[in-house]
Amino acid sequence: MSLFSQLEFRYAVHQIADMPPDVGAEVAFAGRSNAGKSTAINALANRRKLAFVSKTPGRTQAINFFDMGNHCSLVDLPGYGYAKVPKPEQERWDALISTYITNRNALILLVIVVDARHGLKPLDWQMLDWLAPTGKAVHILLTKSDKLTRQESTVVLQRTEEELKQYPGEATAQIFSGANKTGVKQAQAVVARWLKK
């Protein structure tokens, strides 16, 4: 899909003051540090090393902006919930992420990457709570589905969709695996639909 084939790294933002101009349309990716966020982004872009995949969770320490062309951007938010990150650093990430999610006008869709084996956790709900007042859309990628049976995947998807009824804005979910490419085209289509609005 051409939107993703054009992805180019543009900015790494460590503090709010360094944010690029709040224009255009942005789709942001958030997720726990071990949920497979970088792997998901790389699968969507059909590239192995666009987003940094580390064996050590918590390596994405900045908000990374990728240009998609046509005034559209993909935004990779720092992973959250990794215990070995020092508390002041974790608090800095939280402030950075929450300010971006609640105040960024260009943000049109938040994609939350969730390990399908565990489902939505309290920190994922924190993202949803930050986003809720904005009324913006959210899409849940239930990753690592290759580690589940088809029946287990169906159950976790149904449970997640039921839980998302609590969210006041548009909220969708899907099964995904960066390893075997399950759901990649579906996720690309969701992102493209929002960027073309």
N, C-alpha and C. Protein backbone atom coordinates (compact mmCIF):
# COMPACT_ATOMS: atom_id res chain seq x y z
N MET A 1 0.86 -1.19 0.00
CA MET A 1 0.00 0.00 0.00
C MET A 1 0.89 1.23 0.00
N SER A 2 0.63 2.17 -0.90
CA SER A 2 1.55 3.28 -1.13
C SER A 2 1.76 4.15 0.09
N LEU A 3 0.72 4.32 0.93
CA LEU A 3 0.86 5.13 2.13
C LEU A 3 2.05 4.67 2.97
N PHE A 4 2.17 3.37 3.12
CA PHE A 4 3.19 2.81 4.00
C PHE A 4 4.54 2.69 3.31
N SER A 5 4.52 2.53 2.00
CA SER A 5 5.79 2.38 1.29
C SER A 5 6.58 3.68 1.28
N GLN A 6 5.90 4.80 1.53
CA GLN A 6 6.57 6.11 1.53
C GLN A 6 7.12 6.51 2.90
N LEU A 7 6.91 5.70 3.90
CA LEU A 7 7.32 6.08 5.26
C LEU A 7 8.80 6.43 5.36
N GLU A 8 9.07 7.60 5.94
CA GLU A 8 10.45 8.03 6.17
C GLU A 8 10.54 8.66 7.54
N PHE A 9 11.57 8.31 8.30
CA PHE A 9 11.76 8.89 9.62
C PHE A 9 12.01 10.39 9.49
N ARG A 10 11.35 11.19 10.36
CA ARG A 10 11.51 12.64 10.31
C ARG A 10 12.05 13.24 11.61
N TYR A 11 11.38 12.96 12.73
CA TYR A 11 11.76 13.60 14.00
C TYR A 11 11.72 12.61 15.14
N ALA A 12 12.61 12.83 16.12
CA ALA A 12 12.52 12.14 17.42
C ALA A 12 12.34 13.25 18.45
N VAL A 13 11.21 13.25 19.13
CA VAL A 13 10.87 14.32 20.06
C VAL A 13 10.96 13.82 21.50
N HIS A 14 11.80 14.49 22.29
CA HIS A 14 11.99 14.08 23.69
C HIS A 14 11.24 14.99 24.67
N GLN A 15 10.81 16.15 24.21
CA GLN A 15 10.03 17.04 25.07
C GLN A 15 9.00 17.81 24.25
N ILE A 16 7.94 18.21 24.92
CA ILE A 16 6.80 18.83 24.25
C ILE A 16 7.21 20.04 23.41
N ALA A 17 8.16 20.81 23.92
CA ALA A 17 8.58 22.04 23.23
C ALA A 17 9.15 21.76 21.84
N ASP A 18 9.60 20.52 21.62
CA ASP A 18 10.23 20.17 20.34
C ASP A 18 9.27 19.57 19.32
N MET A 19 7.97 19.54 19.64
CA MET A 19 6.99 18.95 18.73
C MET A 19 7.01 19.66 17.37
N PRO A 20 6.89 18.90 16.28
CA PRO A 20 6.75 19.54 14.97
C PRO A 20 5.41 20.26 14.88
N PRO A 21 5.22 21.12 13.87
CA PRO A 21 3.95 21.85 13.73
C PRO A 21 2.74 20.90 13.78
N ASP A 22 1.70 21.36 14.46
CA ASP A 22 0.49 20.55 14.68
C ASP A 22 -0.45 20.69 13.48
N VAL A 23 -0.01 20.12 12.36
CA VAL A 23 -0.80 20.22 11.12
C VAL A 23 -0.86 18.86 10.44
N GLY A 24 -1.75 18.75 9.46
CA GLY A 24 -1.86 17.49 8.73
C GLY A 24 -2.66 16.46 9.49
N ALA A 25 -2.40 15.19 9.21
CA ALA A 25 -3.12 14.08 9.84
C ALA A 25 -2.12 13.06 10.37
N GLU A 26 -2.30 12.66 11.63
CA GLU A 26 -1.37 11.72 12.27
C GLU A 26 -2.11 10.51 12.83
N VAL A 27 -1.54 9.34 12.59
CA VAL A 27 -2.00 8.11 13.23
C VAL A 27 -0.90 7.68 14.19
N ALA A 28 -1.21 7.61 15.47
CA ALA A 28 -0.20 7.28 16.48
C ALA A 28 -0.36 5.85 16.96
N PHE A 29 0.78 5.22 17.27
CA PHE A 29 0.82 3.86 17.79
C PHE A 29 1.32 3.89 19.22
N ALA A 30 0.54 3.30 20.12
CA ALA A 30 0.92 3.21 21.53
C ALA A 30 0.84 1.75 21.95
N GLY A 31 1.48 1.40 23.06
CA GLY A 31 1.40 0.03 23.55
C GLY A 31 2.39 -0.23 24.66
N ARG A 32 2.11 -1.27 25.42
CA ARG A 32 3.06 -1.69 26.45
C ARG A 32 4.39 -2.03 25.79
N SER A 33 5.46 -1.90 26.55
CA SER A 33 6.81 -2.07 26.01
C SER A 33 7.04 -3.43 25.37
N ASN A 34 6.31 -4.45 25.81
CA ASN A 34 6.55 -5.79 25.26
C ASN A 34 5.39 -6.30 24.41
N ALA A 35 4.55 -5.39 23.93
CA ALA A 35 3.35 -5.81 23.18
C ALA A 35 3.62 -6.06 21.70
N GLY A 36 4.81 -5.64 21.22
CA GLY A 36 5.14 -5.87 19.81
C GLY A 36 4.82 -4.69 18.92
N LYS A 37 4.89 -3.48 19.49
CA LYS A 37 4.54 -2.26 18.73
C LYS A 37 5.46 -2.03 17.53
N SER A 38 6.77 -2.11 17.77
CA SER A 38 7.72 -1.88 16.66
C SER A 38 7.57 -2.93 15.58
N THR A 39 7.36 -4.18 15.99
CA THR A 39 7.16 -5.27 15.03
C THR A 39 5.90 -5.01 14.20
N ALA A 40 4.85 -4.51 14.84
CA ALA A 40 3.59 -4.21 14.13
C ALA A 40 3.81 -3.10 13.10
N ILE A 41 4.51 -2.03 13.50
CA ILE A 41 4.77 -0.92 12.58
C ILE A 41 5.59 -1.41 11.39
N ASN A 42 6.62 -2.20 11.66
CA ASN A 42 7.46 -2.73 10.57
C ASN A 42 6.66 -3.62 9.63
N ALA A 43 5.73 -4.41 10.19
CA ALA A 43 4.90 -5.29 9.35
C ALA A 43 3.98 -4.46 8.46
N LEU A 44 3.42 -3.39 9.01
CA LEU A 44 2.53 -2.53 8.22
C LEU A 44 3.30 -1.84 7.10
N ALA A 45 4.54 -1.49 7.38
CA ALA A 45 5.37 -0.81 6.38
C ALA A 45 6.07 -1.79 5.45
N ASN A 46 5.96 -3.09 5.76
CA ASN A 46 6.66 -4.14 5.01
C ASN A 46 8.17 -3.88 4.96
N ARG A 47 8.68 -3.45 6.13
CA ARG A 47 10.12 -3.21 6.26
C ARG A 47 10.59 -3.80 7.57
N ARG A 48 11.82 -4.26 7.59
CA ARG A 48 12.30 -4.95 8.79
C ARG A 48 12.82 -4.01 9.87
N LYS A 49 13.31 -2.84 9.47
CA LYS A 49 14.00 -2.00 10.46
C LYS A 49 13.53 -0.55 10.47
N LEU A 50 12.29 -0.32 10.08
CA LEU A 50 11.80 1.06 10.12
C LEU A 50 11.68 1.52 11.57
N ALA A 51 10.93 0.78 12.36
CA ALA A 51 10.84 1.04 13.80
C ALA A 51 11.82 0.09 14.49
N PHE A 52 12.48 0.58 15.51
CA PHE A 52 13.53 -0.21 16.16
C PHE A 52 12.93 -1.33 17.01
N VAL A 53 13.28 -2.56 16.69
CA VAL A 53 12.82 -3.72 17.46
C VAL A 53 13.96 -4.15 18.37
N SER A 54 13.68 -4.15 19.67
CA SER A 54 14.73 -4.48 20.64
C SER A 54 14.33 -5.70 21.46
N LYS A 55 15.32 -6.46 21.86
CA LYS A 55 15.05 -7.56 22.79
C LYS A 55 14.84 -7.01 24.19
N THR A 56 15.21 -5.74 24.40
CA THR A 56 15.01 -5.09 25.69
C THR A 56 13.81 -4.15 25.57
N PRO A 57 12.69 -4.45 26.24
CA PRO A 57 11.54 -3.56 26.18
C PRO A 57 11.89 -2.17 26.69
N GLY A 58 11.18 -1.16 26.18
CA GLY A 58 11.38 0.19 26.68
C GLY A 58 12.45 0.98 25.96
N ARG A 59 12.86 0.53 24.78
CA ARG A 59 13.93 1.23 24.07
C ARG A 59 13.43 2.48 23.32
N THR A 60 12.13 2.51 22.97
CA THR A 60 11.61 3.70 22.31
C THR A 60 11.41 4.76 23.38
N GLN A 61 12.33 5.74 23.44
CA GLN A 61 12.28 6.72 24.53
C GLN A 61 11.82 8.09 24.06
N ALA A 62 11.50 8.21 22.80
CA ALA A 62 11.03 9.49 22.27
C ALA A 62 9.76 9.23 21.47
N ILE A 63 9.07 10.32 21.11
CA ILE A 63 7.99 10.22 20.14
C ILE A 63 8.63 10.33 18.77
N ASN A 64 8.52 9.27 17.98
CA ASN A 64 9.14 9.24 16.66
C ASN A 64 8.10 9.50 15.57
N PHE A 65 8.38 10.48 14.74
CA PHE A 65 7.48 10.87 13.65
C PHE A 65 8.02 10.33 12.33
N PHE A 66 7.14 9.65 11.58
CA PHE A 66 7.48 9.13 10.26
C PHE A 66 6.58 9.80 9.23
N ASP A 67 7.18 10.39 8.23
CA ASP A 67 6.43 11.06 7.16
C ASP A 67 5.86 10.03 6.20
N MET A 68 4.56 10.14 5.89
CA MET A 68 3.91 9.23 4.95
C MET A 68 3.60 9.92 3.63
N GLY A 69 4.00 11.18 3.48
CA GLY A 69 3.65 11.94 2.30
C GLY A 69 2.25 12.50 2.41
N ASN A 70 1.93 13.49 1.58
CA ASN A 70 0.58 14.04 1.54
C ASN A 70 0.14 14.63 2.88
N HIS A 71 1.08 15.19 3.65
CA HIS A 71 0.81 15.80 4.96
C HIS A 71 0.27 14.80 5.98
N CYS A 72 0.63 13.54 5.82
CA CYS A 72 0.24 12.49 6.76
C CYS A 72 1.48 11.95 7.48
N SER A 73 1.29 11.57 8.73
CA SER A 73 2.41 11.03 9.51
C SER A 73 1.97 9.83 10.33
N LEU A 74 2.90 8.90 10.52
CA LEU A 74 2.74 7.82 11.48
C LEU A 74 3.60 8.19 12.68
N VAL A 75 3.05 8.06 13.88
CA VAL A 75 3.75 8.49 15.09
C VAL A 75 3.91 7.31 16.03
N ASP A 76 5.16 7.03 16.41
CA ASP A 76 5.48 5.91 17.29
C ASP A 76 5.73 6.46 18.69
N LEU A 77 4.80 6.18 19.61
CA LEU A 77 4.90 6.69 20.99
C LEU A 77 5.76 5.76 21.84
N PRO A 78 6.43 6.30 22.88
CA PRO A 78 7.22 5.44 23.76
C PRO A 78 6.37 4.33 24.38
N GLY A 79 6.93 3.13 24.47
CA GLY A 79 6.23 2.03 25.14
C GLY A 79 6.05 2.35 26.61
N TYR A 80 5.01 1.80 27.21
CA TYR A 80 4.74 2.09 28.63
C TYR A 80 4.68 0.80 29.44
N GLY A 81 4.82 0.97 30.76
CA GLY A 81 4.64 -0.16 31.67
C GLY A 81 5.85 -1.04 31.84
N TYR A 82 7.05 -0.54 31.48
CA TYR A 82 8.25 -1.37 31.64
C TYR A 82 8.92 -1.04 32.96
N ALA A 83 8.97 -2.00 33.87
CA ALA A 83 9.37 -1.76 35.26
C ALA A 83 10.81 -1.29 35.43
N LYS A 84 11.70 -1.68 34.53
CA LYS A 84 13.12 -1.36 34.73
C LYS A 84 13.50 0.06 34.34
N VAL A 85 12.55 0.80 33.78
CA VAL A 85 12.83 2.20 33.46
C VAL A 85 12.76 3.02 34.75
N PRO A 86 13.77 3.88 35.03
CA PRO A 86 13.74 4.69 36.26
C PRO A 86 12.45 5.52 36.34
N LYS A 87 11.94 5.69 37.57
CA LYS A 87 10.65 6.36 37.75
C LYS A 87 10.60 7.76 37.13
N PRO A 88 11.63 8.60 37.31
CA PRO A 88 11.56 9.94 36.69
C PRO A 88 11.45 9.87 35.16
N GLU A 89 12.14 8.89 34.57
CA GLU A 89 12.07 8.72 33.12
C GLU A 89 10.67 8.27 32.70
N GLN A 90 10.10 7.33 33.47
CA GLN A 90 8.75 6.86 33.18
C GLN A 90 7.75 8.00 33.29
N GLU A 91 7.93 8.85 34.30
CA GLU A 91 7.03 9.99 34.49
C GLU A 91 7.16 10.99 33.33
N ARG A 92 8.39 11.14 32.82
CA ARG A 92 8.61 12.04 31.68
C ARG A 92 7.89 11.50 30.45
N TRP A 93 8.01 10.17 30.23
CA TRP A 93 7.31 9.56 29.09
C TRP A 93 5.81 9.75 29.23
N ASP A 94 5.28 9.50 30.45
CA ASP A 94 3.84 9.63 30.68
C ASP A 94 3.36 11.04 30.35
N ALA A 95 4.12 12.03 30.79
CA ALA A 95 3.75 13.42 30.53
C ALA A 95 3.78 13.71 29.03
N LEU A 96 4.81 13.19 28.37
CA LEU A 96 4.97 13.39 26.92
C LEU A 96 3.81 12.74 26.16
N ILE A 97 3.53 11.47 26.50
CA ILE A 97 2.46 10.73 25.81
C ILE A 97 1.10 11.35 26.08
N SER A 98 0.80 11.66 27.36
CA SER A 98 -0.53 12.18 27.70
C SER A 98 -0.76 13.54 27.06
N THR A 99 0.28 14.39 27.03
CA THR A 99 0.14 15.70 26.41
C THR A 99 -0.11 15.56 24.92
N TYR A 100 0.62 14.65 24.29
CA TYR A 100 0.43 14.42 22.85
C TYR A 100 -1.00 13.93 22.59
N ILE A 101 -1.44 12.92 23.32
CA ILE A 101 -2.75 12.31 23.06
C ILE A 101 -3.90 13.29 23.32
N THR A 102 -3.80 14.08 24.39
CA THR A 102 -4.92 14.95 24.76
C THR A 102 -4.95 16.26 23.99
N ASN A 103 -3.79 16.74 23.51
CA ASN A 103 -3.73 18.08 22.93
C ASN A 103 -3.44 18.14 21.43
N ARG A 104 -3.04 17.04 20.82
CA ARG A 104 -2.57 17.10 19.44
C ARG A 104 -3.74 17.14 18.46
N ASN A 105 -3.92 18.27 17.81
CA ASN A 105 -5.03 18.41 16.86
C ASN A 105 -4.88 17.50 15.64
N ALA A 106 -3.63 17.28 15.22
CA ALA A 106 -3.39 16.47 14.01
C ALA A 106 -3.69 14.99 14.23
N LEU A 107 -3.73 14.55 15.49
CA LEU A 107 -4.00 13.13 15.79
C LEU A 107 -5.43 12.80 15.40
N ILE A 108 -5.58 11.82 14.49
CA ILE A 108 -6.93 11.44 14.07
C ILE A 108 -7.30 10.01 14.48
N LEU A 109 -6.28 9.19 14.76
CA LEU A 109 -6.53 7.80 15.16
C LEU A 109 -5.39 7.33 16.06
N LEU A 110 -5.75 6.75 17.19
CA LEU A 110 -4.76 6.13 18.07
C LEU A 110 -4.87 4.62 17.94
N VAL A 111 -3.78 3.99 17.55
CA VAL A 111 -3.73 2.53 17.46
C VAL A 111 -3.02 2.03 18.71
N ILE A 112 -3.72 1.24 19.51
CA ILE A 112 -3.11 0.68 20.72
C ILE A 112 -2.77 -0.78 20.45
N VAL A 113 -1.50 -1.10 20.60
CA VAL A 113 -1.01 -2.45 20.35
C VAL A 113 -1.06 -3.23 21.66
N VAL A 114 -1.82 -4.33 21.66
CA VAL A 114 -2.08 -5.10 22.87
C VAL A 114 -1.74 -6.56 22.62
N ASP A 115 -1.00 -7.16 23.53
CA ASP A 115 -0.69 -8.59 23.43
C ASP A 115 -1.98 -9.39 23.56
N ALA A 116 -2.34 -10.12 22.52
CA ALA A 116 -3.62 -10.85 22.49
C ALA A 116 -3.72 -11.87 23.61
N ARG A 117 -2.59 -12.32 24.12
CA ARG A 117 -2.61 -13.33 25.19
C ARG A 117 -3.07 -12.74 26.51
N HIS A 118 -3.00 -11.41 26.63
CA HIS A 118 -3.32 -10.76 27.91
C HIS A 118 -4.52 -9.82 27.83
N GLY A 119 -4.86 -9.34 26.62
CA GLY A 119 -5.99 -8.43 26.47
C GLY A 119 -5.68 -7.05 27.05
N LEU A 120 -6.72 -6.20 27.10
CA LEU A 120 -6.55 -4.84 27.60
C LEU A 120 -6.19 -4.84 29.08
N LYS A 121 -5.14 -4.11 29.41
CA LYS A 121 -4.66 -4.00 30.79
C LYS A 121 -4.89 -2.57 31.29
N PRO A 122 -4.72 -2.33 32.62
CA PRO A 122 -4.96 -0.98 33.16
C PRO A 122 -4.22 0.13 32.44
N LEU A 123 -2.97 -0.10 32.03
CA LEU A 123 -2.23 0.96 31.35
C LEU A 123 -2.78 1.24 29.94
N ASP A 124 -3.36 0.21 29.31
CA ASP A 124 -4.03 0.43 28.02
C ASP A 124 -5.28 1.29 28.23
N TRP A 125 -5.99 1.01 29.32
CA TRP A 125 -7.18 1.80 29.64
C TRP A 125 -6.80 3.24 29.97
N GLN A 126 -5.62 3.44 30.53
CA GLN A 126 -5.15 4.80 30.80
C GLN A 126 -5.05 5.59 29.48
N MET A 127 -4.53 4.93 28.43
CA MET A 127 -4.47 5.56 27.11
C MET A 127 -5.88 5.94 26.64
N LEU A 128 -6.82 5.01 26.81
CA LEU A 128 -8.20 5.25 26.40
C LEU A 128 -8.83 6.38 27.22
N ASP A 129 -8.49 6.43 28.51
CA ASP A 129 -9.02 7.50 29.37
C ASP A 129 -8.49 8.87 28.94
N TRP A 130 -7.21 8.91 28.56
CA TRP A 130 -6.63 10.17 28.08
C TRP A 130 -7.29 10.60 26.76
N LEU A 131 -7.58 9.62 25.90
CA LEU A 131 -8.13 9.92 24.58
C LEU A 131 -9.61 10.24 24.62
N ALA A 132 -10.34 9.65 25.56
CA ALA A 132 -11.80 9.75 25.60
C ALA A 132 -12.35 11.18 25.49
N PRO A 133 -11.81 12.15 26.26
CA PRO A 133 -12.38 13.51 26.18
C PRO A 133 -12.26 14.14 24.80
N THR A 134 -11.32 13.67 23.99
CA THR A 134 -11.12 14.24 22.65
C THR A 134 -12.15 13.69 21.66
N GLY A 135 -12.76 12.54 22.00
CA GLY A 135 -13.73 11.91 21.11
C GLY A 135 -13.11 11.27 19.89
N LYS A 136 -11.77 11.15 19.88
CA LYS A 136 -11.10 10.61 18.69
C LYS A 136 -11.16 9.08 18.67
N ALA A 137 -10.95 8.55 17.49
CA ALA A 137 -11.10 7.11 17.28
C ALA A 137 -9.90 6.33 17.80
N VAL A 138 -10.16 5.08 18.16
CA VAL A 138 -9.10 4.17 18.59
C VAL A 138 -9.28 2.83 17.88
N HIS A 139 -8.15 2.20 17.55
CA HIS A 139 -8.16 0.88 16.94
C HIS A 139 -7.19 0.01 17.72
N ILE A 140 -7.65 -1.14 18.18
CA ILE A 140 -6.82 -2.04 18.97
C ILE A 140 -6.26 -3.15 18.08
N LEU A 141 -4.93 -3.26 18.07
CA LEU A 141 -4.28 -4.38 17.38
C LEU A 141 -3.96 -5.44 18.42
N LEU A 142 -4.63 -6.57 18.34
CA LEU A 142 -4.37 -7.68 19.26
C LEU A 142 -3.24 -8.52 18.66
N THR A 143 -2.01 -8.19 19.07
CA THR A 143 -0.82 -8.77 18.44
C THR A 143 -0.45 -10.13 19.02
N LYS A 144 0.55 -10.72 18.37
CA LYS A 144 1.09 -12.03 18.77
C LYS A 144 0.02 -13.11 18.69
N SER A 145 -0.93 -12.93 17.77
CA SER A 145 -2.02 -13.91 17.64
C SER A 145 -1.51 -15.26 17.14
N ASP A 146 -0.30 -15.26 16.57
CA ASP A 146 0.28 -16.53 16.11
C ASP A 146 0.55 -17.47 17.28
N LYS A 147 0.54 -16.92 18.50
CA LYS A 147 0.76 -17.75 19.69
C LYS A 147 -0.54 -18.29 20.28
N LEU A 148 -1.67 -17.97 19.62
CA LEU A 148 -2.98 -18.45 20.07
C LEU A 148 -3.61 -19.36 19.02
N THR A 149 -4.55 -20.20 19.45
CA THR A 149 -5.34 -20.97 18.50
C THR A 149 -6.38 -20.02 17.87
N ARG A 150 -6.98 -20.46 16.81
CA ARG A 150 -8.01 -19.63 16.16
C ARG A 150 -9.16 -19.36 17.13
N GLN A 151 -9.54 -20.38 17.90
CA GLN A 151 -10.64 -20.21 18.86
C GLN A 151 -10.26 -19.20 19.95
N GLU A 152 -9.04 -19.29 20.45
CA GLU A 152 -8.58 -18.34 21.48
C GLU A 152 -8.57 -16.91 20.94
N SER A 153 -8.15 -16.77 19.67
CA SER A 153 -8.14 -15.45 19.04
C SER A 153 -9.55 -14.88 18.93
N THR A 154 -10.49 -15.73 18.55
CA THR A 154 -11.89 -15.30 18.43
C THR A 154 -12.43 -14.83 19.77
N VAL A 155 -12.12 -15.57 20.82
CA VAL A 155 -12.60 -15.23 22.17
C VAL A 155 -12.04 -13.89 22.63
N VAL A 156 -10.73 -13.69 22.45
CA VAL A 156 -10.12 -12.44 22.93
C VAL A 156 -10.61 -11.25 22.11
N LEU A 157 -10.87 -11.45 20.82
CA LEU A 157 -11.39 -10.36 19.99
C LEU A 157 -12.80 -9.98 20.45
N GLN A 158 -13.65 -10.99 20.68
CA GLN A 158 -15.02 -10.72 21.13
C GLN A 158 -15.02 -10.01 22.49
N ARG A 159 -14.15 -10.47 23.39
CA ARG A 159 -14.07 -9.87 24.72
C ARG A 159 -13.62 -8.40 24.63
N THR A 160 -12.61 -8.16 23.77
CA THR A 160 -12.09 -6.80 23.61
C THR A 160 -13.15 -5.88 23.01
N GLU A 161 -13.86 -6.36 22.00
CA GLU A 161 -14.91 -5.55 21.38
C GLU A 161 -16.01 -5.21 22.39
N GLU A 162 -16.30 -6.16 23.27
CA GLU A 162 -17.31 -5.93 24.31
C GLU A 162 -16.82 -4.87 25.30
N GLU A 163 -15.55 -4.97 25.70
CA GLU A 163 -14.97 -3.99 26.64
C GLU A 163 -14.93 -2.59 26.03
N LEU A 164 -14.69 -2.52 24.73
CA LEU A 164 -14.55 -1.22 24.07
C LEU A 164 -15.88 -0.47 23.97
N LYS A 165 -16.97 -1.14 24.28
CA LYS A 165 -18.27 -0.46 24.27
C LYS A 165 -18.32 0.63 25.33
N GLN A 166 -17.40 0.54 26.32
CA GLN A 166 -17.32 1.58 27.36
C GLN A 166 -16.72 2.87 26.82
N TYR A 167 -15.97 2.76 25.72
CA TYR A 167 -15.28 3.94 25.19
C TYR A 167 -16.27 4.82 24.42
N PRO A 168 -16.29 6.14 24.69
CA PRO A 168 -17.31 6.99 24.09
C PRO A 168 -17.15 7.27 22.59
N GLY A 169 -15.94 7.18 22.05
CA GLY A 169 -15.72 7.44 20.63
C GLY A 169 -15.77 6.16 19.82
N GLU A 170 -15.40 6.26 18.54
CA GLU A 170 -15.36 5.07 17.69
C GLU A 170 -14.20 4.19 18.11
N ALA A 171 -14.48 2.93 18.38
CA ALA A 171 -13.44 2.01 18.85
C ALA A 171 -13.59 0.67 18.14
N THR A 172 -12.53 0.22 17.49
CA THR A 172 -12.55 -1.05 16.77
C THR A 172 -11.35 -1.89 17.22
N ALA A 173 -11.41 -3.17 16.90
CA ALA A 173 -10.32 -4.08 17.28
C ALA A 173 -10.16 -5.14 16.21
N GLN A 174 -8.98 -5.72 16.16
CA GLN A 174 -8.73 -6.80 15.20
C GLN A 174 -7.61 -7.70 15.72
N ILE A 175 -7.56 -8.90 15.17
CA ILE A 175 -6.48 -9.85 15.42
C ILE A 175 -5.31 -9.49 14.50
N PHE A 176 -4.08 -9.62 15.03
CA PHE A 176 -2.90 -9.20 14.26
C PHE A 176 -1.69 -10.05 14.66
N SER A 177 -0.82 -10.28 13.71
CA SER A 177 0.47 -10.89 14.00
C SER A 177 1.51 -10.36 13.02
N GLY A 178 2.52 -9.70 13.55
CA GLY A 178 3.62 -9.24 12.71
C GLY A 178 4.46 -10.42 12.23
N ALA A 179 4.44 -11.52 12.99
CA ALA A 179 5.27 -12.68 12.66
C ALA A 179 4.77 -13.40 11.41
N ASN A 180 3.46 -13.65 11.35
CA ASN A 180 2.94 -14.37 10.18
C ASN A 180 2.03 -13.51 9.30
N LYS A 181 2.03 -12.20 9.58
CA LYS A 181 1.33 -11.19 8.76
C LYS A 181 -0.20 -11.28 8.83
N THR A 182 -0.73 -11.98 9.82
CA THR A 182 -2.18 -12.01 10.02
C THR A 182 -2.68 -10.59 10.29
N GLY A 183 -3.69 -10.16 9.54
CA GLY A 183 -4.34 -8.88 9.81
C GLY A 183 -3.61 -7.66 9.31
N VAL A 184 -2.48 -7.84 8.62
CA VAL A 184 -1.70 -6.67 8.16
C VAL A 184 -2.52 -5.83 7.17
N LYS A 185 -3.13 -6.49 6.17
CA LYS A 185 -3.90 -5.73 5.17
C LYS A 185 -5.10 -5.04 5.81
N GLN A 186 -5.72 -5.71 6.77
CA GLN A 186 -6.87 -5.11 7.45
C GLN A 186 -6.44 -3.85 8.21
N ALA A 187 -5.31 -3.94 8.91
CA ALA A 187 -4.82 -2.78 9.67
C ALA A 187 -4.41 -1.64 8.74
N GLN A 188 -3.77 -1.98 7.62
CA GLN A 188 -3.40 -0.95 6.63
C GLN A 188 -4.65 -0.24 6.13
N ALA A 189 -5.71 -1.00 5.89
CA ALA A 189 -6.96 -0.43 5.37
C ALA A 189 -7.59 0.51 6.40
N VAL A 190 -7.55 0.14 7.67
CA VAL A 190 -8.11 1.00 8.73
C VAL A 190 -7.35 2.32 8.78
N VAL A 191 -6.02 2.26 8.80
CA VAL A 191 -5.21 3.48 8.85
C VAL A 191 -5.47 4.34 7.62
N ALA A 192 -5.49 3.71 6.44
CA ALA A 192 -5.70 4.45 5.20
C ALA A 192 -7.07 5.14 5.18
N ARG A 193 -8.07 4.45 5.72
CA ARG A 193 -9.42 5.02 5.74
C ARG A 193 -9.45 6.32 6.54
N TRP A 194 -8.77 6.33 7.67
CA TRP A 194 -8.77 7.54 8.50
C TRP A 194 -7.94 8.65 7.88
N LEU A 195 -6.83 8.29 7.27
CA LEU A 195 -5.97 9.32 6.68
C LEU A 195 -6.60 9.95 5.45
N LYS A 196 -7.52 9.24 4.82
CA LYS A 196 -8.15 9.77 3.60
C LYS A 196 -9.42 10.55 3.88
N LYS A 197 -9.80 10.65 5.16
CA LYS A 197 -11.04 11.37 5.49
C LYS A 197 -10.85 12.86 5.29
